[in-house]
C-alpha atoms as a PDB file:
ATOM      1  CA  MET A   1       0.000   0.000   0.000  1.00  0.00           C
ATOM      2  CA  LYS A   2       1.355   3.399  -0.990  1.00  0.00           C
ATOM      3  CA  ALA A   3       1.643   6.072   1.717  1.00  0.00           C
ATOM      4  CA  THR A   4      -0.082   9.369   1.006  1.00  0.00           C
ATOM      5  CA  THR A   5       1.851  12.526   1.682  1.00  0.00           C
ATOM      6  CA  LEU A   6       0.510  16.023   2.007  1.00  0.00           C
ATOM      7  CA  GLY A   7       1.979  18.795  -0.089  1.00  0.00           C
ATOM      8  CA  ASN A   8       3.570  21.800   1.579  1.00  0.00           C
ATOM      9  CA  SER A   9       0.717  24.086   0.600  1.00  0.00           C
ATOM     10  CA  THR A  10      -1.833  21.638   2.051  1.00  0.00           C
ATOM     11  CA  VAL A  11       0.022  21.485   5.365  1.00  0.00           C
ATOM     12  CA  LEU A  12       0.256  25.272   5.473  1.00  0.00           C
ATOM     13  CA  THR A  13      -3.459  25.576   4.723  1.00  0.00           C
ATOM     14  CA  LEU A  14      -4.313  23.109   7.508  1.00  0.00           C
ATOM     15  CA  ILE A  15      -2.157  25.042   9.983  1.00  0.00           C
ATOM     16  CA  ASN A  16      -3.800  28.335   8.986  1.00  0.00           C
ATOM     17  CA  VAL A  17      -7.323  26.905   9.223  1.00  0.00           C
ATOM     18  CA  ALA A  18      -6.577  25.454  12.666  1.00  0.00           C
ATOM     19  CA  SER A  19      -5.128  28.789  13.778  1.00  0.00           C
ATOM     20  CA  ALA A  20      -8.217  30.650  12.583  1.00  0.00           C
ATOM     21  CA  ALA A  21     -10.533  28.150  14.307  1.00  0.00           C
ATOM     22  CA  PHE A  22      -8.718  28.532  17.634  1.00  0.00           C
ATOM     23  CA  ALA A  23      -8.810  32.331  17.255  1.00  0.00           C
ATOM     24  CA  ILE A  24     -12.577  32.228  16.656  1.00  0.00           C
ATOM     25  CA  PHE A  25     -13.127  30.019  19.720  1.00  0.00           C
ATOM     26  CA  ALA A  26     -10.939  32.384  21.782  1.00  0.00           C
ATOM     27  CA  ALA A  27     -13.043  35.356  20.671  1.00  0.00           C
ATOM     28  CA  ILE A  28     -16.246  33.519  21.601  1.00  0.00           C
ATOM     29  CA  ALA A  29     -14.825  32.643  25.031  1.00  0.00           C
ATOM     30  CA  TRP A  30     -13.772  36.272  25.629  1.00  0.00           C
ATOM     31  CA  ILE A  31     -17.216  37.524  24.652  1.00  0.00           C
ATOM     32  CA  LYS A  32     -18.732  34.995  27.055  1.00  0.00           C
ATOM     33  CA  SER A  33     -16.338  36.075  29.839  1.00  0.00           C
ATOM     34  CA  ALA A  34     -17.414  39.681  29.367  1.00  0.00           C
ATOM     35  CA  SER A  35     -21.114  38.888  29.553  1.00  0.00           C
ATOM     36  CA  VAL A  36     -21.538  35.993  31.992  1.00  0.00           C
ATOM     37  CA  THR A  37     -23.291  36.744  35.292  1.00  0.00           C
ATOM     38  CA  VAL A  38     -24.581  34.693  38.209  1.00  0.00           C
ATOM     39  CA  VAL A  39     -27.999  35.778  39.434  1.00  0.00           C
ATOM     40  CA  PHE A  40     -28.312  35.926  43.232  1.00  0.00           C
ATOM     41  CA  ASP A  41     -30.329  32.920  44.403  1.00  0.00           C
ATOM     42  CA  GLY A  42     -31.245  34.334  47.816  1.00  0.00           C
ATOM     43  CA  LYS A  43     -28.763  32.189  49.737  1.00  0.00           C
ATOM     44  CA  PRO A  44     -25.721  33.841  51.308  1.00  0.00           C
ATOM     45  CA  ALA A  45     -22.397  32.701  49.884  1.00  0.00           C
ATOM     46  CA  ALA A  46     -20.409  30.210  51.960  1.00  0.00           C
ATOM     47  CA  ARG A  47     -17.439  31.661  53.781  1.00  0.00           C
ATOM     48  CA  PRO A  48     -14.651  30.129  55.853  1.00  0.00           C
ATOM     49  CA  PRO A  49     -15.308  29.728  59.585  1.00  0.00           C
ATOM     50  CA  GLY A  50     -14.319  32.845  61.496  1.00  0.00           C
ATOM     51  CA  ALA A  51     -14.300  35.032  58.396  1.00  0.00           C
ATOM     52  CA  ALA A  52     -15.598  38.545  58.892  1.00  0.00           C
ATOM     53  CA  LEU A  53     -18.961  39.270  57.353  1.00  0.00           C
ATOM     54  CA  PRO A  54     -18.298  41.573  54.377  1.00  0.00           C
ATOM     55  CA  ASN A  55     -20.424  44.558  53.526  1.00  0.00           C
ATOM     56  CA  PRO A  56     -23.370  43.083  51.531  1.00  0.00           C
ATOM     57  CA  ALA A  57     -23.344  46.118  49.230  1.00  0.00           C
ATOM     58  CA  LEU A  58     -19.943  44.940  47.954  1.00  0.00           C
ATOM     59  CA  LEU A  59     -21.143  41.417  47.123  1.00  0.00           C
ATOM     60  CA  TYR A  60     -24.147  42.101  44.925  1.00  0.00           C
ATOM     61  CA  GLY A  61     -24.996  44.295  41.989  1.00  0.00           C
ATOM     62  CA  ILE A  62     -27.788  44.866  39.505  1.00  0.00           C
ATOM     63  CA  ASN A  63     -27.384  43.841  35.869  1.00  0.00           C
ATOM     64  CA  GLU A  64     -28.868  45.549  32.806  1.00  0.00           C
ATOM     65  CA  ARG A  65     -32.019  43.410  33.164  1.00  0.00           C
ATOM     66  CA  GLY A  66     -32.569  44.579  36.729  1.00  0.00           C
ATOM     67  CA  GLN A  67     -31.563  41.239  38.276  1.00  0.00           C
ATOM     68  CA  GLN A  68     -29.515  41.073  41.456  1.00  0.00           C
ATOM     69  CA  ILE A  69     -26.074  39.638  40.637  1.00  0.00           C
ATOM     70  CA  ASP A  70     -23.883  37.664  43.026  1.00  0.00           C
ATOM     71  CA  LEU A  71     -20.448  39.259  42.567  1.00  0.00           C
ATOM     72  CA  ILE A  72     -18.015  36.536  43.721  1.00  0.00           C
ATOM     73  CA  PRO A  73     -19.548  33.651  41.691  1.00  0.00           C
ATOM     74  CA  THR A  74     -19.821  36.000  38.700  1.00  0.00           C
ATOM     75  CA  LEU A  75     -16.128  36.883  38.956  1.00  0.00           C
ATOM     76  CA  LYS A  76     -15.251  33.181  39.222  1.00  0.00           C
ATOM     77  CA  LYS A  77     -17.214  32.361  36.057  1.00  0.00           C
ATOM     78  CA  GLN A  78     -15.715  35.309  34.213  1.00  0.00           C
ATOM     79  CA  SER A  79     -12.244  34.196  35.289  1.00  0.00           C
ATOM     80  CA  LEU A  80     -12.889  30.658  34.047  1.00  0.00           C
ATOM     81  CA  TRP A  81     -14.062  31.830  30.617  1.00  0.00           C
ATOM     82  CA  ASN A  82     -11.199  34.320  30.410  1.00  0.00           C
ATOM     83  CA  SER A  83      -8.619  31.639  31.178  1.00  0.00           C
ATOM     84  CA  TRP A  84     -10.032  29.387  28.444  1.00  0.00           C
ATOM     85  CA  ALA A  85      -9.967  32.312  26.012  1.00  0.00           C
ATOM     86  CA  ALA A  86      -6.318  32.959  26.816  1.00  0.00           C
ATOM     87  CA  ARG A  87      -5.420  29.287  26.298  1.00  0.00           C
ATOM     88  CA  LEU A  88      -7.232  29.168  22.966  1.00  0.00           C
ATOM     89  CA  ALA A  89      -5.574  32.409  21.834  1.00  0.00           C
ATOM     90  CA  ALA A  90      -2.176  31.011  22.825  1.00  0.00           C
ATOM     91  CA  VAL A  91      -2.754  27.910  20.687  1.00  0.00           C
ATOM     92  CA  ALA A  92      -3.876  30.129  17.789  1.00  0.00           C
ATOM     93  CA  ALA A  93      -0.714  32.225  18.122  1.00  0.00           C
ATOM     94  CA  LEU A  94       1.516  29.146  18.256  1.00  0.00           C
ATOM     95  CA  LEU A  95      -0.171  27.699  15.177  1.00  0.00           C
ATOM     96  CA  GLN A  96       0.199  31.016  13.358  1.00  0.00           C
ATOM     97  CA  ALA A  97       3.890  31.177  14.256  1.00  0.00           C
ATOM     98  CA  SER A  98       4.458  27.569  13.217  1.00  0.00           C
ATOM     99  CA  GLY A  99       2.670  28.254   9.919  1.00  0.00           C
ATOM    100  CA  THR A 100       4.892  31.242   9.308  1.00  0.00           C
ATOM    101  CA  PHE A 101       8.076  29.272  10.005  1.00  0.00           C
ATOM    102  CA  TYR A 102       6.793  26.307   8.009  1.00  0.00           C
ATOM    103  CA  GLY A 103       6.215  28.624   5.060  1.00  0.00           C
ATOM    104  CA  ILE A 104       9.711  30.081   5.372  1.00  0.00           C
ATOM    105  CA  PHE A 105      11.638  26.816   5.731  1.00  0.00           C
ATOM    106  CA  TYR A 106       9.534  24.443   3.594  1.00  0.00           C
ATOM    107  CA  HIS A 107       8.381  26.786   0.863  1.00  0.00           C
ATOM    108  CA  THR A 108       8.344  25.057  -2.501  1.00  0.00           C
END
């Protein structure tokens, strides 16, 4: 059976498409991180034993829909989405760099 090889331009195209896909997913994750909120469910947030009770005005806010937002869980969700966006953007950048170097060194 004969092995199939990919041409240089095909490899470069695949790298560029993968880079673009990761960049799109990173953008989606960053948009999500900027818009995610956790609506206050009426239960006070758990805190470590002996922790001082914080000022409730600092823990809640009102979103554009008039809902009460729980600040700490919202920040945690935003942080999670932001970290995924950064990872995806890093992969996109690495793919873009590898595509650039591939094009320089294996150009036909």
